[in-house]
Protein backbone atom coordinates (compact mmCIF):
# COMPACT_ATOMS: atom_id res chain seq x y z
CA MET A 1 13.34 -13.55 -3.98
CA LYS A 2 14.23 -10.90 -1.42
CA ILE A 3 11.38 -8.38 -1.06
CA LEU A 4 11.39 -4.97 0.60
CA LEU A 5 7.83 -3.91 1.41
CA LEU A 6 7.10 -0.29 2.19
CA SER A 7 4.18 2.13 2.20
CA ASP A 8 3.21 5.67 2.94
CA THR A 9 6.43 7.39 1.91
CA HIS A 10 4.51 10.66 1.49
CA SER A 11 7.29 12.01 -0.78
CA HIS A 12 10.06 10.98 1.58
CA LEU A 13 13.09 8.92 0.53
CA ASP A 14 16.35 8.94 2.45
CA ASP A 15 19.55 7.02 2.84
CA PHE A 16 17.97 4.74 5.41
CA ILE A 17 15.38 3.51 2.95
CA THR A 18 17.80 3.42 0.04
CA LYS A 19 20.17 1.18 1.96
CA TYR A 20 17.48 -1.50 2.22
CA VAL A 21 16.25 -0.95 -1.37
CA LYS A 22 19.79 -1.91 -2.55
CA GLN A 23 19.69 -5.15 -0.58
CA ALA A 24 16.38 -6.30 -2.10
CA ASP A 25 15.64 -8.16 -5.31
CA GLU A 26 12.32 -6.29 -5.69
CA VAL A 27 10.67 -3.41 -3.86
CA TRP A 28 6.90 -3.34 -3.33
CA HIS A 29 5.22 -0.04 -2.42
CA ALA A 30 1.67 -0.18 -1.00
CA GLY A 31 0.65 3.41 -1.90
CA ASP A 32 0.70 6.98 -0.72
CA ILE A 33 3.82 7.57 -2.70
CA GLY A 34 3.53 11.37 -2.73
CA ASP A 35 6.15 12.70 -5.13
CA LEU A 36 6.90 10.28 -8.06
CA LYS A 37 10.58 11.09 -7.59
CA VAL A 38 10.42 8.50 -4.77
CA THR A 39 9.32 5.64 -7.02
CA ASP A 40 11.56 6.91 -9.91
CA GLN A 41 14.63 6.70 -7.59
CA ILE A 42 13.60 3.26 -6.26
CA ALA A 43 12.92 1.93 -9.81
CA ALA A 44 16.39 3.17 -10.89
CA LEU A 45 17.89 0.83 -8.31
CA LYS A 46 15.60 -2.22 -8.25
CA PRO A 47 12.49 -3.64 -9.91
CA LEU A 48 9.42 -1.92 -8.39
CA ARG A 49 5.82 -2.96 -8.03
CA ALA A 50 3.53 -0.27 -6.64
CA VAL A 51 -0.06 0.92 -6.27
CA TYR A 52 -1.34 4.44 -5.82
CA GLY A 53 -2.84 5.61 -2.55
CA ASN A 54 -5.46 8.10 -1.50
CA ILE A 55 -2.99 11.06 -1.39
CA ASP A 56 -1.50 10.30 -4.79
CA ASP A 57 -2.21 12.66 -7.69
CA ASP A 58 -3.32 11.99 -11.26
CA GLN A 59 0.27 11.35 -12.42
CA ALA A 60 0.69 8.54 -9.90
CA ARG A 61 -2.69 7.15 -10.80
CA LEU A 62 -1.66 7.02 -14.45
CA GLN A 63 1.60 5.28 -13.65
CA PHE A 64 0.38 2.79 -11.00
CA PRO A 65 -2.81 0.76 -10.54
CA LEU A 66 -5.28 0.80 -7.62
CA ASN A 67 -4.77 -2.93 -7.29
CA ASN A 68 -1.71 -4.99 -8.29
CA ARG A 69 -2.23 -8.71 -8.28
CA PHE A 70 0.56 -10.96 -9.48
CA ASN A 71 2.46 -14.18 -8.92
CA CYS A 72 5.85 -14.17 -7.18
CA GLU A 73 7.76 -17.44 -6.80
CA GLY A 74 4.45 -19.40 -6.88
CA MET A 75 2.69 -17.09 -4.45
CA ASP A 76 -0.51 -15.21 -5.40
CA VAL A 77 0.08 -11.63 -4.13
CA TRP A 78 -2.42 -8.80 -4.05
CA ILE A 79 -1.34 -5.23 -3.15
CA THR A 80 -3.71 -2.31 -2.67
CA HIS A 81 -3.49 0.80 -0.53
CA ILE A 82 -6.77 0.77 1.42
CA GLY A 83 -7.68 -2.83 2.16
CA GLY A 84 -8.48 -3.22 5.82
CA TYR A 85 -7.34 -6.34 7.65
CA PRO A 86 -8.75 -9.75 8.62
CA GLY A 87 -12.22 -9.52 10.00
CA ARG A 88 -12.44 -5.88 8.86
CA TYR A 89 -11.64 -5.88 5.14
CA HIS A 90 -12.56 -2.72 3.31
CA GLN A 91 -15.88 -3.05 1.40
CA ARG A 92 -14.07 -2.38 -1.91
CA VAL A 93 -12.04 -5.66 -1.59
CA ARG A 94 -14.25 -7.71 0.68
CA ASP A 95 -16.17 -9.75 -1.88
CA GLU A 96 -13.09 -10.50 -4.02
CA ILE A 97 -10.89 -11.45 -1.04
CA TYR A 98 -13.47 -13.94 0.22
CA SER A 99 -14.35 -15.40 -3.15
CA ASN A 100 -10.84 -15.51 -4.59
CA PRO A 101 -8.34 -15.03 -1.72
CA PRO A 102 -4.64 -14.44 -2.52
CA ASP A 103 -1.91 -16.14 -0.57
CA LEU A 104 -0.56 -12.73 0.51
CA PHE A 105 -2.69 -9.61 0.87
CA ILE A 106 -0.80 -6.31 1.30
CA CYS A 107 -2.09 -2.88 2.06
CA GLY A 108 -0.91 0.37 3.59
CA HIS A 109 -2.89 3.48 4.65
CA SER A 110 -3.19 2.92 8.43
CA HIS A 111 0.47 3.71 9.22
CA ILE A 112 0.19 0.78 11.64
CA LEU A 113 2.47 -2.24 11.03
CA LYS A 114 0.51 -5.51 11.04
CA VAL A 115 1.21 -9.09 10.03
CA ILE A 116 -1.84 -11.26 10.56
CA ASN A 117 -2.62 -14.79 9.36
CA ASP A 118 -6.25 -14.92 8.25
CA LYS A 119 -6.96 -18.55 8.93
CA LYS A 120 -10.54 -18.22 7.64
CA ILE A 121 -9.31 -17.76 4.07
CA ASN A 122 -5.76 -19.11 4.40
CA CYS A 123 -4.22 -15.74 3.58
CA LEU A 124 -1.33 -13.83 5.14
CA HIS A 125 -2.07 -10.09 5.59
CA MET A 126 0.78 -7.57 5.75
CA ASN A 127 0.79 -3.84 6.30
CA PRO A 128 4.34 -2.47 6.57
CA GLY A 129 3.24 0.66 8.44
CA ALA A 130 4.65 3.98 7.21
CA ILE A 131 8.25 4.75 6.27
CA GLY A 132 7.65 8.41 5.50
CA MET A 133 7.80 11.35 7.86
CA HIS A 134 4.16 12.48 7.51
CA GLY A 135 1.58 11.07 9.96
CA PHE A 136 0.99 10.17 13.56
CA HIS A 137 3.37 7.19 13.72
CA LYS A 138 6.33 7.49 16.15
CA LYS A 139 8.45 4.87 14.42
CA ARG A 140 9.04 4.56 10.68
CA THR A 141 8.64 0.91 9.57
CA MET A 142 9.12 -1.37 6.61
CA LEU A 143 9.10 -5.13 6.18
CA ARG A 144 11.53 -7.39 4.38
CA PHE A 145 11.20 -11.11 3.65
CA GLU A 146 11.96 -13.79 1.20
CA ILE A 147 9.61 -15.80 -1.04
CA ASN A 148 10.78 -19.21 -2.19
CA ASP A 149 8.55 -21.94 -3.58
CA ALA A 150 5.37 -20.14 -2.49
CA LYS A 151 6.57 -19.76 1.07
CA ILE A 152 7.61 -16.69 3.06
CA SER A 153 10.68 -16.84 5.23
CA ASN A 154 13.04 -14.52 7.12
CA LEU A 155 10.34 -11.97 7.80
CA GLU A 156 11.91 -8.91 9.44
CA VAL A 157 10.61 -5.60 10.73
CA ILE A 158 12.87 -2.65 9.92
CA GLU A 159 12.18 0.39 12.07
CA LYS A 160 13.68 3.84 12.68
CA ASP A 161 12.74 6.61 15.04
CA ARG A 162 11.43 9.73 13.31
């Protein structure tokens, strides 16, 4: 299963993003969608799993959950927008992540790309950074990877100058 992971589009979708959407089997969006035209256009091309973020309006909150936990190719995946990172998980997820850790924990919000193995709970944390134009980030980033038999392979950072 080829996954394109993105976050913080802030209403921005362009040919650069769309090119990678077309190459994926599924697209996962970790919140701050902005305009739902972004997710509508992605979902017209590929299966989409998404959560809403702190900038998203009531329409996005009706369409997407705050947390999306699911199984992909034998891997327990949890996506939320504001989740923190190993050693500094957000209080909203902290108890659950320690008592029932997923194999892969994904969040957005910070606009900072991070991939960290939390050895304490045997969980891989991913934040794809921000692919939209709004924010302090100098490079727009996404992640792509494959999941096969509960294992991640071919992890790749995709970046573009603003």
